[in-house]
Amino acid sequence: MTRRLAWAFVTLLALVAAACAKTAYTNRSQLLLISEGQEVALGLQSAQEVLKKEKESGDDLQVERVKRVGQRIAVAANKPDYKWEFRLIEKDTVNAFCLPGGKVFVYTGILDLTTSNDELAAVMGHEIAHALLRHGGERVSMALMAQMGGQAASLALGSSVSPAASQVFNQVYGVGAQVGVMLPHSRSQESEADEVGMILAAKAGYEPSGALSLWRKMDAYAKSKGQNAPGWLSTHPTTEDRIAAIKSKMGAIRAKYYQRQALR
């Protein structure tokens, strides 16, 4: 190895070490080459693109329901630096997502499955958990490393949002193509979001078993469509594995975090 290559390798290792972080709640190690501020700025840009291309629902009751459940979960998330917004998109699609910085989008198609607020809280808690755990930033960081190596690390770790980070973020979140259709999370990230989503819902006063009934409905919905899972769940853990994991964690989460609240 030449001196120049050795120096580049050492620099890369130092950058990666500096970018190591721990996830909230689960304390898992993750690689983050972009700052949370950069991630939030990119999330805001993407939210603006969503609102340009998607139609918001005019159903005041359902809009209020989504906002009410979302706000309670946002309080439980205790992330005051996020600028929380909750939007209901008029589209018959089983979909929901949360962009970095707290911009949450729920599609009307998923409301047919979330007939209780406990189930809606399971969906929104799951998506908000992805943002709190910085799964988007983690995926952008891994993509940058794969594409550009140490050069990407140097660019991404700068004080401003680099064009490289912006381009990869747009790819990850589907901006410019199918808005709101994100590239797949890893199965470990999905399982992590399930767990933390149940915690957030329970802290907000929603029964964590809502996650169990939700995924059972998802399974029935998928089978009625002749699918293994709805499109947005196609890369998630299998329904059987997910339900088993939810069952194994639900009791402990309820005992530690759940406090029934009168206002539903």
C-alpha atoms as a PDB file:
ATOM      1  CA  MET A   1       0.000   0.000   0.000  1.00  0.00           C
ATOM      2  CA  THR A   2       1.441   3.383  -1.023  1.00  0.00           C
ATOM      3  CA  ARG A   3       1.771   6.178   1.496  1.00  0.00           C
ATOM      4  CA  ARG A   4      -1.025   8.091  -0.237  1.00  0.00           C
ATOM      5  CA  LEU A   5      -3.384   5.116  -0.116  1.00  0.00           C
ATOM      6  CA  ALA A   6      -2.475   4.409   3.485  1.00  0.00           C
ATOM      7  CA  TRP A   7      -3.195   8.004   4.435  1.00  0.00           C
ATOM      8  CA  ALA A   8      -6.545   7.913   2.611  1.00  0.00           C
ATOM      9  CA  PHE A   9      -7.431   4.683   4.400  1.00  0.00           C
ATOM     10  CA  VAL A  10      -6.554   6.130   7.804  1.00  0.00           C
ATOM     11  CA  THR A  11      -8.546   9.276   7.013  1.00  0.00           C
ATOM     12  CA  LEU A  12     -11.536   7.183   5.983  1.00  0.00           C
ATOM     13  CA  LEU A  13     -11.375   5.170   9.194  1.00  0.00           C
ATOM     14  CA  ALA A  14     -11.218   8.366  11.237  1.00  0.00           C
ATOM     15  CA  LEU A  15     -14.226   9.795   9.428  1.00  0.00           C
ATOM     16  CA  VAL A  16     -16.224   6.626   9.908  1.00  0.00           C
ATOM     17  CA  ALA A  17     -15.304   6.495  13.592  1.00  0.00           C
ATOM     18  CA  ALA A  18     -16.422  10.101  13.991  1.00  0.00           C
ATOM     19  CA  ALA A  19     -19.703   9.273  12.290  1.00  0.00           C
ATOM     20  CA  CYS A  20     -20.633   6.339  14.521  1.00  0.00           C
ATOM     21  CA  ALA A  21     -23.727   6.908  16.647  1.00  0.00           C
ATOM     22  CA  LYS A  22     -26.224   5.003  18.774  1.00  0.00           C
ATOM     23  CA  THR A  23     -29.946   4.736  18.079  1.00  0.00           C
ATOM     24  CA  ALA A  24     -32.462   6.023  20.595  1.00  0.00           C
ATOM     25  CA  TYR A  25     -34.196   3.367  22.720  1.00  0.00           C
ATOM     26  CA  THR A  26     -32.400   0.369  21.179  1.00  0.00           C
ATOM     27  CA  ASN A  27     -28.805   1.650  21.485  1.00  0.00           C
ATOM     28  CA  ARG A  28     -27.783   0.044  18.186  1.00  0.00           C
ATOM     29  CA  SER A  29     -24.610   1.313  16.523  1.00  0.00           C
ATOM     30  CA  GLN A  30     -25.206   3.093  13.227  1.00  0.00           C
ATOM     31  CA  LEU A  31     -23.180   5.000  10.644  1.00  0.00           C
ATOM     32  CA  LEU A  32     -24.289   8.608  10.101  1.00  0.00           C
ATOM     33  CA  LEU A  33     -22.271  10.672   7.658  1.00  0.00           C
ATOM     34  CA  ILE A  34     -24.739  13.555   7.586  1.00  0.00           C
ATOM     35  CA  SER A  35     -25.738  15.661  10.548  1.00  0.00           C
ATOM     36  CA  GLU A  36     -29.261  15.669  11.893  1.00  0.00           C
ATOM     37  CA  GLY A  37     -29.579  19.291  10.789  1.00  0.00           C
ATOM     38  CA  GLN A  38     -28.668  18.307   7.223  1.00  0.00           C
ATOM     39  CA  GLU A  39     -31.126  15.439   7.379  1.00  0.00           C
ATOM     40  CA  VAL A  40     -33.937  17.724   8.591  1.00  0.00           C
ATOM     41  CA  ALA A  41     -33.204  20.237   5.814  1.00  0.00           C
ATOM     42  CA  LEU A  42     -33.409  17.474   3.213  1.00  0.00           C
ATOM     43  CA  GLY A  43     -36.647  16.231   4.786  1.00  0.00           C
ATOM     44  CA  LEU A  44     -38.186  19.704   4.500  1.00  0.00           C
ATOM     45  CA  GLN A  45     -37.259  19.879   0.815  1.00  0.00           C
ATOM     46  CA  SER A  46     -38.865  16.497   0.195  1.00  0.00           C
ATOM     47  CA  ALA A  47     -42.020  17.463   2.111  1.00  0.00           C
ATOM     48  CA  GLN A  48     -42.451  20.461  -0.158  1.00  0.00           C
ATOM     49  CA  GLU A  49     -42.183  18.179  -3.187  1.00  0.00           C
ATOM     50  CA  VAL A  50     -44.834  15.858  -1.762  1.00  0.00           C
ATOM     51  CA  LEU A  51     -47.249  18.749  -1.220  1.00  0.00           C
ATOM     52  CA  LYS A  52     -46.725  19.939  -4.802  1.00  0.00           C
ATOM     53  CA  LYS A  53     -47.641  16.562  -6.251  1.00  0.00           C
ATOM     54  CA  GLU A  54     -50.191  15.072  -3.865  1.00  0.00           C
ATOM     55  CA  LYS A  55     -53.717  16.186  -3.019  1.00  0.00           C
ATOM     56  CA  GLU A  56     -54.622  16.640   0.632  1.00  0.00           C
ATOM     57  CA  SER A  57     -57.876  15.187   1.931  1.00  0.00           C
ATOM     58  CA  GLY A  58     -60.863  17.447   2.506  1.00  0.00           C
ATOM     59  CA  ASP A  59     -62.416  15.100   5.063  1.00  0.00           C
ATOM     60  CA  ASP A  60     -62.214  17.321   8.132  1.00  0.00           C
ATOM     61  CA  LEU A  61     -63.030  14.541  10.604  1.00  0.00           C
ATOM     62  CA  GLN A  62     -60.326  12.224   9.326  1.00  0.00           C
ATOM     63  CA  VAL A  63     -57.803  15.059   8.988  1.00  0.00           C
ATOM     64  CA  GLU A  64     -58.460  15.997  12.604  1.00  0.00           C
ATOM     65  CA  ARG A  65     -58.146  12.360  13.660  1.00  0.00           C
ATOM     66  CA  VAL A  66     -54.743  11.994  11.999  1.00  0.00           C
ATOM     67  CA  LYS A  67     -53.530  15.256  13.527  1.00  0.00           C
ATOM     68  CA  ARG A  68     -54.805  14.365  16.999  1.00  0.00           C
ATOM     69  CA  VAL A  69     -53.178  10.928  17.059  1.00  0.00           C
ATOM     70  CA  GLY A  70     -49.993  12.299  15.502  1.00  0.00           C
ATOM     71  CA  GLN A  71     -49.654  15.174  17.949  1.00  0.00           C
ATOM     72  CA  ARG A  72     -49.983  12.854  20.919  1.00  0.00           C
ATOM     73  CA  ILE A  73     -47.251  10.610  19.530  1.00  0.00           C
ATOM     74  CA  ALA A  74     -45.102  13.669  18.816  1.00  0.00           C
ATOM     75  CA  VAL A  75     -45.401  14.697  22.485  1.00  0.00           C
ATOM     76  CA  ALA A  76     -44.355  11.178  23.491  1.00  0.00           C
ATOM     77  CA  ALA A  77     -41.407  11.345  21.085  1.00  0.00           C
ATOM     78  CA  ASN A  78     -40.105  14.397  22.985  1.00  0.00           C
ATOM     79  CA  LYS A  79     -38.350  15.886  19.973  1.00  0.00           C
ATOM     80  CA  PRO A  80     -39.214  19.583  20.240  1.00  0.00           C
ATOM     81  CA  ASP A  81     -36.657  20.625  17.624  1.00  0.00           C
ATOM     82  CA  TYR A  82     -38.698  18.779  14.989  1.00  0.00           C
ATOM     83  CA  LYS A  83     -41.345  20.890  13.252  1.00  0.00           C
ATOM     84  CA  TRP A  84     -44.154  18.358  13.389  1.00  0.00           C
ATOM     85  CA  GLU A  85     -46.807  18.400  10.668  1.00  0.00           C
ATOM     86  CA  PHE A  86     -49.438  15.743   9.963  1.00  0.00           C
ATOM     87  CA  ARG A  87     -51.023  15.567   6.508  1.00  0.00           C
ATOM     88  CA  LEU A  88     -53.725  13.271   5.160  1.00  0.00           C
ATOM     89  CA  ILE A  89     -53.255  12.576   1.446  1.00  0.00           C
ATOM     90  CA  GLU A  90     -56.309  11.732  -0.663  1.00  0.00           C
ATOM     91  CA  LYS A  91     -55.229   8.542  -2.394  1.00  0.00           C
ATOM     92  CA  ASP A  92     -56.449   4.953  -2.232  1.00  0.00           C
ATOM     93  CA  THR A  93     -53.007   3.675  -1.314  1.00  0.00           C
ATOM     94  CA  VAL A  94     -52.009   1.699   1.760  1.00  0.00           C
ATOM     95  CA  ASN A  95     -49.131   3.979   2.688  1.00  0.00           C
ATOM     96  CA  ALA A  96     -47.742   6.317   5.330  1.00  0.00           C
ATOM     97  CA  PHE A  97     -44.302   7.798   5.972  1.00  0.00           C
ATOM     98  CA  CYS A  98     -42.456  10.326   8.106  1.00  0.00           C
ATOM     99  CA  LEU A  99     -39.685  12.468   6.663  1.00  0.00           C
ATOM    100  CA  PRO A 100     -36.746  13.624   8.787  1.00  0.00           C
ATOM    101  CA  GLY A 101     -37.769  16.643  10.813  1.00  0.00           C
ATOM    102  CA  GLY A 102     -41.276  15.400  11.576  1.00  0.00           C
ATOM    103  CA  LYS A 103     -43.238  15.802   8.332  1.00  0.00           C
ATOM    104  CA  VAL A 104     -45.761  12.941   8.493  1.00  0.00           C
ATOM    105  CA  PHE A 105     -47.963  11.847   5.584  1.00  0.00           C
ATOM    106  CA  VAL A 106     -50.827   9.355   5.887  1.00  0.00           C
ATOM    107  CA  TYR A 107     -52.757   8.140   2.833  1.00  0.00           C
ATOM    108  CA  THR A 108     -56.518   7.728   3.016  1.00  0.00           C
ATOM    109  CA  GLY A 109     -56.218   4.171   1.724  1.00  0.00           C
ATOM    110  CA  ILE A 110     -54.692   3.024   5.003  1.00  0.00           C
ATOM    111  CA  LEU A 111     -57.595   4.396   7.061  1.00  0.00           C
ATOM    112  CA  ASP A 112     -59.813   1.538   5.898  1.00  0.00           C
ATOM    113  CA  LEU A 113     -57.493  -0.804   7.815  1.00  0.00           C
ATOM    114  CA  THR A 114     -56.884   1.402  10.850  1.00  0.00           C
ATOM    115  CA  THR A 115     -60.439   1.484  12.147  1.00  0.00           C
ATOM    116  CA  SER A 116     -59.315   2.127  15.737  1.00  0.00           C
ATOM    117  CA  ASN A 117     -57.044   4.901  16.933  1.00  0.00           C
ATOM    118  CA  ASP A 118     -54.827   2.258  18.539  1.00  0.00           C
ATOM    119  CA  GLU A 119     -54.193   0.846  15.049  1.00  0.00           C
ATOM    120  CA  LEU A 120     -53.637   4.286  13.541  1.00  0.00           C
ATOM    121  CA  ALA A 121     -51.183   5.010  16.355  1.00  0.00           C
ATOM    122  CA  ALA A 122     -49.346   1.784  15.485  1.00  0.00           C
ATOM    123  CA  VAL A 123     -48.896   2.968  11.888  1.00  0.00           C
ATOM    124  CA  MET A 124     -47.892   6.515  12.787  1.00  0.00           C
ATOM    125  CA  GLY A 125     -45.705   5.399  15.674  1.00  0.00           C
ATOM    126  CA  HIS A 126     -43.860   3.038  13.349  1.00  0.00           C
ATOM    127  CA  GLU A 127     -43.218   5.731  10.737  1.00  0.00           C
ATOM    128  CA  ILE A 128     -42.247   8.356  13.317  1.00  0.00           C
ATOM    129  CA  ALA A 129     -39.862   5.821  14.841  1.00  0.00           C
ATOM    130  CA  HIS A 130     -38.016   5.601  11.521  1.00  0.00           C
ATOM    131  CA  ALA A 131     -37.373   9.354  11.708  1.00  0.00           C
ATOM    132  CA  LEU A 132     -36.409   9.361  15.405  1.00  0.00           C
ATOM    133  CA  LEU A 133     -33.995   6.480  14.838  1.00  0.00           C
ATOM    134  CA  ARG A 134     -32.576   8.340  11.841  1.00  0.00           C
ATOM    135  CA  HIS A 135     -32.994   5.386   9.545  1.00  0.00           C
ATOM    136  CA  GLY A 136     -33.143   7.687   6.514  1.00  0.00           C
ATOM    137  CA  GLY A 137     -29.822   9.304   7.406  1.00  0.00           C
ATOM    138  CA  GLU A 138     -28.330   5.882   7.988  1.00  0.00           C
ATOM    139  CA  ARG A 139     -29.443   4.674   4.564  1.00  0.00           C
ATOM    140  CA  VAL A 140     -28.129   7.830   2.895  1.00  0.00           C
ATOM    141  CA  SER A 141     -24.801   7.357   4.684  1.00  0.00           C
ATOM    142  CA  MET A 142     -24.478   3.735   3.605  1.00  0.00           C
ATOM    143  CA  ALA A 143     -25.340   4.658   0.016  1.00  0.00           C
ATOM    144  CA  LEU A 144     -22.775   7.463   0.012  1.00  0.00           C
ATOM    145  CA  MET A 145     -20.098   5.146   1.341  1.00  0.00           C
ATOM    146  CA  ALA A 146     -20.923   2.533  -1.294  1.00  0.00           C
ATOM    147  CA  GLN A 147     -20.868   5.066  -4.123  1.00  0.00           C
ATOM    148  CA  MET A 148     -18.008   7.384  -3.178  1.00  0.00           C
ATOM    149  CA  GLY A 149     -16.147   6.008  -0.192  1.00  0.00           C
ATOM    150  CA  GLY A 150     -13.966   8.480   1.696  1.00  0.00           C
ATOM    151  CA  GLN A 151     -14.749  11.297  -0.709  1.00  0.00           C
ATOM    152  CA  ALA A 152     -18.431  10.950   0.138  1.00  0.00           C
ATOM    153  CA  ALA A 153     -17.627  10.954   3.839  1.00  0.00           C
ATOM    154  CA  SER A 154     -15.680  14.198   3.521  1.00  0.00           C
ATOM    155  CA  LEU A 155     -18.457  15.848   1.517  1.00  0.00           C
ATOM    156  CA  ALA A 156     -21.273  14.604   3.692  1.00  0.00           C
ATOM    157  CA  LEU A 157     -19.655  15.631   6.953  1.00  0.00           C
ATOM    158  CA  GLY A 158     -19.376  19.242   5.851  1.00  0.00           C
ATOM    159  CA  SER A 159     -21.441  21.977   7.461  1.00  0.00           C
ATOM    160  CA  SER A 160     -23.861  22.348   4.539  1.00  0.00           C
ATOM    161  CA  VAL A 161     -25.885  19.822   2.590  1.00  0.00           C
ATOM    162  CA  SER A 162     -23.683  18.492  -0.203  1.00  0.00           C
ATOM    163  CA  PRO A 163     -25.108  17.837  -3.692  1.00  0.00           C
ATOM    164  CA  ALA A 164     -24.047  14.200  -3.302  1.00  0.00           C
ATOM    165  CA  ALA A 165     -26.012  13.800  -0.062  1.00  0.00           C
ATOM    166  CA  SER A 166     -29.019  15.584  -1.571  1.00  0.00           C
ATOM    167  CA  GLN A 167     -29.005  13.353  -4.648  1.00  0.00           C
ATOM    168  CA  VAL A 168     -28.807  10.148  -2.607  1.00  0.00           C
ATOM    169  CA  PHE A 169     -31.504  11.380  -0.210  1.00  0.00           C
ATOM    170  CA  ASN A 170     -33.830  12.027  -3.157  1.00  0.00           C
ATOM    171  CA  GLN A 171     -33.169   8.512  -4.427  1.00  0.00           C
ATOM    172  CA  VAL A 172     -33.857   6.989  -1.019  1.00  0.00           C
ATOM    173  CA  TYR A 173     -37.137   8.886  -0.587  1.00  0.00           C
ATOM    174  CA  GLY A 174     -38.343   8.567  -4.159  1.00  0.00           C
ATOM    175  CA  VAL A 175     -38.372  12.320  -4.810  1.00  0.00           C
ATOM    176  CA  GLY A 176     -38.732  13.046  -8.506  1.00  0.00           C
ATOM    177  CA  ALA A 177     -40.183   9.615  -9.207  1.00  0.00           C
ATOM    178  CA  GLN A 178     -42.934   8.127  -7.068  1.00  0.00           C
ATOM    179  CA  VAL A 179     -43.188  10.655  -4.265  1.00  0.00           C
ATOM    180  CA  GLY A 180     -43.445   9.026  -0.883  1.00  0.00           C
ATOM    181  CA  VAL A 181     -42.397   5.598  -2.155  1.00  0.00           C
ATOM    182  CA  MET A 182     -39.216   5.039  -0.228  1.00  0.00           C
ATOM    183  CA  LEU A 183     -36.535   2.543  -1.069  1.00  0.00           C
ATOM    184  CA  PRO A 184     -36.788  -0.430   1.258  1.00  0.00           C
ATOM    185  CA  HIS A 185     -35.645  -0.189   4.837  1.00  0.00           C
ATOM    186  CA  SER A 186     -33.604  -3.126   6.016  1.00  0.00           C
ATOM    187  CA  ARG A 187     -35.427  -5.790   7.986  1.00  0.00           C
ATOM    188  CA  SER A 188     -33.492  -4.865  11.106  1.00  0.00           C
ATOM    189  CA  GLN A 189     -34.628  -1.249  10.740  1.00  0.00           C
ATOM    190  CA  GLU A 190     -38.215  -2.383  10.239  1.00  0.00           C
ATOM    191  CA  SER A 191     -38.137  -4.551  13.361  1.00  0.00           C
ATOM    192  CA  GLU A 192     -36.566  -1.686  15.285  1.00  0.00           C
ATOM    193  CA  ALA A 193     -39.294   0.714  14.110  1.00  0.00           C
ATOM    194  CA  ASP A 194     -41.969  -1.798  15.128  1.00  0.00           C
ATOM    195  CA  GLU A 195     -40.602  -1.922  18.672  1.00  0.00           C
ATOM    196  CA  VAL A 196     -40.021   1.809  19.087  1.00  0.00           C
ATOM    197  CA  GLY A 197     -43.336   2.579  17.373  1.00  0.00           C
ATOM    198  CA  MET A 198     -45.158   0.498  19.985  1.00  0.00           C
ATOM    199  CA  ILE A 199     -43.272   2.325  22.734  1.00  0.00           C
ATOM    200  CA  LEU A 200     -44.263   5.725  21.330  1.00  0.00           C
ATOM    201  CA  ALA A 201     -47.902   4.679  20.921  1.00  0.00           C
ATOM    202  CA  ALA A 202     -48.001   3.317  24.480  1.00  0.00           C
ATOM    203  CA  LYS A 203     -46.416   6.484  25.890  1.00  0.00           C
ATOM    204  CA  ALA A 204     -49.056   8.489  24.017  1.00  0.00           C
ATOM    205  CA  GLY A 205     -51.800   6.503  25.757  1.00  0.00           C
ATOM    206  CA  TYR A 206     -52.665   4.069  22.968  1.00  0.00           C
ATOM    207  CA  GLU A 207     -52.953   0.347  23.577  1.00  0.00           C
ATOM    208  CA  PRO A 208     -49.816  -1.284  22.104  1.00  0.00           C
ATOM    209  CA  SER A 209     -51.848  -4.323  21.048  1.00  0.00           C
ATOM    210  CA  GLY A 210     -53.095  -2.072  18.241  1.00  0.00           C
ATOM    211  CA  ALA A 211     -49.937  -3.113  16.412  1.00  0.00           C
ATOM    212  CA  LEU A 212     -50.988  -6.753  16.643  1.00  0.00           C
ATOM    213  CA  SER A 213     -54.473  -6.206  15.222  1.00  0.00           C
ATOM    214  CA  LEU A 214     -53.018  -3.893  12.560  1.00  0.00           C
ATOM    215  CA  TRP A 215     -50.597  -6.464  11.159  1.00  0.00           C
ATOM    216  CA  ARG A 216     -53.253  -9.150  11.221  1.00  0.00           C
ATOM    217  CA  LYS A 217     -55.424  -6.870   9.088  1.00  0.00           C
ATOM    218  CA  MET A 218     -52.446  -6.187   6.820  1.00  0.00           C
ATOM    219  CA  ASP A 219     -52.004  -9.912   6.359  1.00  0.00           C
ATOM    220  CA  ALA A 220     -55.682 -10.386   5.477  1.00  0.00           C
ATOM    221  CA  TYR A 221     -55.561  -7.407   3.110  1.00  0.00           C
ATOM    222  CA  ALA A 222     -52.512  -8.771   1.309  1.00  0.00           C
ATOM    223  CA  LYS A 223     -54.074 -12.191   0.896  1.00  0.00           C
ATOM    224  CA  SER A 224     -57.263 -10.641  -0.482  1.00  0.00           C
ATOM    225  CA  LYS A 225     -55.111  -8.955  -3.143  1.00  0.00           C
ATOM    226  CA  GLY A 226     -53.176 -12.124  -3.879  1.00  0.00           C
ATOM    227  CA  GLN A 227     -49.982 -10.620  -2.483  1.00  0.00           C
ATOM    228  CA  ASN A 228     -47.520 -11.645   0.167  1.00  0.00           C
ATOM    229  CA  ALA A 229     -47.801  -8.110   1.537  1.00  0.00           C
ATOM    230  CA  PRO A 230     -48.993  -4.651   0.458  1.00  0.00           C
ATOM    231  CA  GLY A 231     -46.485  -2.873  -1.776  1.00  0.00           C
ATOM    232  CA  TRP A 232     -45.065  -0.673   0.964  1.00  0.00           C
ATOM    233  CA  LEU A 233     -44.505  -3.744   3.142  1.00  0.00           C
ATOM    234  CA  SER A 234     -43.057  -6.063   0.511  1.00  0.00           C
ATOM    235  CA  THR A 235     -39.535  -5.896   1.938  1.00  0.00           C
ATOM    236  CA  HIS A 236     -40.593  -5.879   5.584  1.00  0.00           C
ATOM    237  CA  PRO A 237     -40.249  -8.906   7.832  1.00  0.00           C
ATOM    238  CA  THR A 238     -42.784 -11.631   7.034  1.00  0.00           C
ATOM    239  CA  THR A 239     -46.157 -11.126   8.691  1.00  0.00           C
ATOM    240  CA  GLU A 240     -45.670 -14.259  10.783  1.00  0.00           C
ATOM    241  CA  ASP A 241     -42.273 -13.082  12.052  1.00  0.00           C
ATOM    242  CA  ARG A 242     -43.582  -9.586  12.694  1.00  0.00           C
ATOM    243  CA  ILE A 243     -46.602 -10.770  14.658  1.00  0.00           C
ATOM    244  CA  ALA A 244     -44.439 -13.132  16.701  1.00  0.00           C
ATOM    245  CA  ALA A 245     -41.998 -10.317  17.528  1.00  0.00           C
ATOM    246  CA  ILE A 246     -44.841  -7.951  18.464  1.00  0.00           C
ATOM    247  CA  LYS A 247     -46.362 -10.578  20.744  1.00  0.00           C
ATOM    248  CA  SER A 248     -43.015 -11.197  22.442  1.00  0.00           C
ATOM    249  CA  LYS A 249     -42.450  -7.494  23.213  1.00  0.00           C
ATOM    250  CA  MET A 250     -45.987  -6.197  23.710  1.00  0.00           C
ATOM    251  CA  GLY A 251     -46.431  -7.175  27.366  1.00  0.00           C
ATOM    252  CA  ALA A 252     -43.189  -5.594  28.537  1.00  0.00           C
ATOM    253  CA  ILE A 253     -43.889  -2.406  26.564  1.00  0.00           C
ATOM    254  CA  ARG A 254     -47.399  -2.150  27.985  1.00  0.00           C
ATOM    255  CA  ALA A 255     -46.171  -2.670  31.538  1.00  0.00           C
ATOM    256  CA  LYS A 256     -43.402  -0.074  31.235  1.00  0.00           C
ATOM    257  CA  TYR A 257     -44.937   2.650  29.072  1.00  0.00           C
ATOM    258  CA  TYR A 258     -48.708   2.378  28.731  1.00  0.00           C
ATOM    259  CA  GLN A 259     -50.988   4.676  30.678  1.00  0.00           C
ATOM    260  CA  ARG A 260     -54.596   4.771  29.509  1.00  0.00           C
ATOM    261  CA  GLN A 261     -55.799   8.285  28.773  1.00  0.00           C
ATOM    262  CA  ALA A 262     -59.405   9.411  28.700  1.00  0.00           C
ATOM    263  CA  LEU A 263     -59.082  11.469  25.511  1.00  0.00           C
ATOM    264  CA  ARG A 264     -58.934   9.099  22.556  1.00  0.00           C
END
